[in-house]
Protein backbone atom coordinates (compact mmCIF):
# COMPACT_ATOMS: atom_id res chain seq x y z
CA MET A 1 20.25 -33.56 21.28
CA THR A 2 20.09 -30.70 18.67
CA ILE A 3 17.21 -29.94 16.43
CA THR A 4 17.70 -27.53 13.55
CA ALA A 5 15.06 -26.04 11.33
CA ASP A 6 15.43 -24.57 7.92
CA THR A 7 13.98 -21.09 8.25
CA SER A 8 14.68 -19.90 4.69
CA PRO A 9 11.19 -20.46 3.43
CA VAL A 10 9.98 -17.99 6.15
CA ALA A 11 12.59 -15.53 5.12
CA THR A 12 11.60 -15.90 1.51
CA LEU A 13 7.98 -15.43 2.34
CA ALA A 14 8.76 -12.32 4.39
CA THR A 15 10.54 -10.92 1.49
CA GLY A 16 7.77 -11.69 -0.86
CA LEU A 17 5.24 -10.03 1.52
CA GLU A 18 7.22 -7.09 1.87
CA ALA A 19 7.60 -6.59 -1.94
CA ALA A 20 3.85 -7.16 -2.34
CA ALA A 21 3.08 -4.63 0.47
CA ALA A 22 5.29 -2.07 -1.35
CA ALA A 23 3.67 -2.84 -4.74
CA LEU A 24 0.16 -2.33 -3.07
CA GLU A 25 1.11 1.07 -1.67
CA ASP A 26 1.26 2.51 -5.19
CA PRO A 27 -2.00 1.96 -6.97
CA SER A 28 -1.22 4.57 -9.64
CA SER A 29 -0.96 2.18 -12.46
CA VAL A 30 -4.31 0.52 -11.85
CA LEU A 31 -5.83 4.06 -11.17
CA LYS A 32 -4.57 5.28 -14.57
CA ARG A 33 -6.02 2.26 -16.32
CA ALA A 34 -9.28 2.83 -14.45
CA GLY A 35 -9.44 6.59 -15.54
CA GLU A 36 -8.56 5.49 -19.06
CA GLU A 37 -11.38 3.01 -19.07
CA VAL A 38 -13.94 5.74 -17.94
CA VAL A 39 -12.68 7.98 -20.65
CA ARG A 40 -13.05 5.15 -23.29
CA ILE A 41 -16.75 4.47 -22.27
CA ALA A 42 -17.40 8.39 -21.97
CA GLY A 43 -15.93 8.80 -25.46
CA PRO A 44 -19.16 8.78 -27.44
CA ARG A 45 -21.37 10.14 -24.77
CA PRO A 46 -20.57 13.97 -24.66
CA PRO A 47 -22.80 15.93 -26.89
CA ARG A 48 -20.98 17.10 -30.03
CA ARG A 49 -21.66 20.53 -31.35
CA THR A 50 -18.07 21.48 -31.84
CA GLY A 51 -16.19 18.56 -30.45
CA ARG A 52 -14.31 20.74 -27.85
CA LEU A 53 -15.92 19.01 -25.02
CA ALA A 54 -15.19 15.49 -26.03
CA ALA A 55 -11.57 16.56 -27.03
CA SER A 56 -10.90 18.25 -23.73
CA VAL A 57 -10.82 15.10 -21.42
CA GLN A 58 -7.68 14.59 -19.36
CA VAL A 59 -6.67 11.78 -16.97
CA THR A 60 -4.37 12.46 -13.91
CA THR A 61 -3.25 9.92 -11.33
CA ASP A 62 -1.20 9.82 -8.25
CA ALA A 63 -1.18 7.50 -5.19
CA GLU A 64 -4.26 8.94 -3.78
CA GLY A 65 -6.58 8.47 -6.73
CA ALA A 66 -7.41 9.28 -10.39
CA GLY A 67 -8.99 12.43 -11.71
CA ILE A 68 -10.81 12.73 -15.00
CA ARG A 69 -11.31 16.29 -16.25
CA TRP A 70 -13.13 17.70 -19.02
CA GLY A 71 -11.19 20.83 -19.63
CA VAL A 72 -13.81 23.26 -21.05
CA PRO A 73 -15.56 25.53 -18.53
CA TYR A 74 -19.08 24.41 -19.52
CA ALA A 75 -18.59 20.59 -19.07
CA ARG A 76 -20.15 20.71 -15.52
CA HIS A 77 -23.29 22.52 -16.90
CA VAL A 78 -23.66 19.93 -19.77
CA ASN A 79 -23.22 17.07 -17.45
CA PHE A 80 -25.57 18.30 -14.53
CA GLY A 81 -27.61 20.77 -16.37
CA THR A 82 -28.74 24.22 -15.35
CA ARG A 83 -32.11 25.85 -14.60
CA THR A 84 -32.52 26.56 -18.31
CA MET A 85 -30.75 23.49 -19.81
CA ARG A 86 -31.47 19.79 -19.20
CA ALA A 87 -28.75 17.72 -17.99
CA GLN A 88 -26.69 15.39 -20.43
CA PRO A 89 -24.90 13.22 -17.86
CA PHE A 90 -22.12 11.92 -20.07
CA ALA A 91 -19.60 11.82 -17.37
CA THR A 92 -21.64 10.58 -14.51
CA ASP A 93 -23.25 7.94 -16.83
CA ALA A 94 -19.70 6.79 -17.91
CA LEU A 95 -18.59 6.44 -14.38
CA ALA A 96 -21.73 4.32 -13.42
CA ALA A 97 -21.33 2.18 -16.61
CA THR A 98 -17.76 1.28 -15.59
CA ALA A 99 -18.30 0.55 -11.90
CA THR A 100 -18.04 -3.18 -12.38
CA VAL A 101 -15.18 -2.95 -14.66
CA LEU A 102 -13.22 -0.66 -12.29
CA ALA A 103 -13.80 -3.11 -9.41
CA ASP A 104 -12.50 -5.97 -11.54
CA LEU A 105 -9.53 -3.99 -12.49
CA ALA A 106 -8.66 -3.36 -8.89
CA ALA A 107 -9.28 -7.01 -7.92
CA THR A 108 -7.09 -8.34 -10.78
CA TRP A 109 -4.35 -5.76 -9.90
CA ALA A 110 -4.24 -6.89 -6.35
CA THR A 111 -4.42 -10.56 -7.11
CA ASP A 112 -1.56 -10.40 -9.59
CA ILE A 113 0.58 -8.73 -6.97
CA LEU A 114 -0.38 -11.27 -4.24
CA GLU A 115 0.28 -14.19 -6.49
CA THR A 116 3.81 -13.26 -6.89
CA VAL A 117 4.42 -14.06 -3.32
């Protein structure tokens, strides 16, 4: 007596899981979207005397994370304040305001990948 089993569904699943694992290893696309969302929320928040602070924002991403940088030397002092200047936390407030959105972006990104399996 011989029993044979079709193992092609298992091979298809394994291939799909390998592809999903590879896609999950590179979160740069969702990190870029997350950084852009923080910038969008932060857009109207920086104080605007000359507009240089608001115009200097840059988003960088790699497989390790996203970076959001305001490229003027005084951005940190405006956001956190100094002994003589009150804090105007435009960057930290924007990050806090987008926490739920960022979590949703990450969950949707991972779900979309896993649903292809």
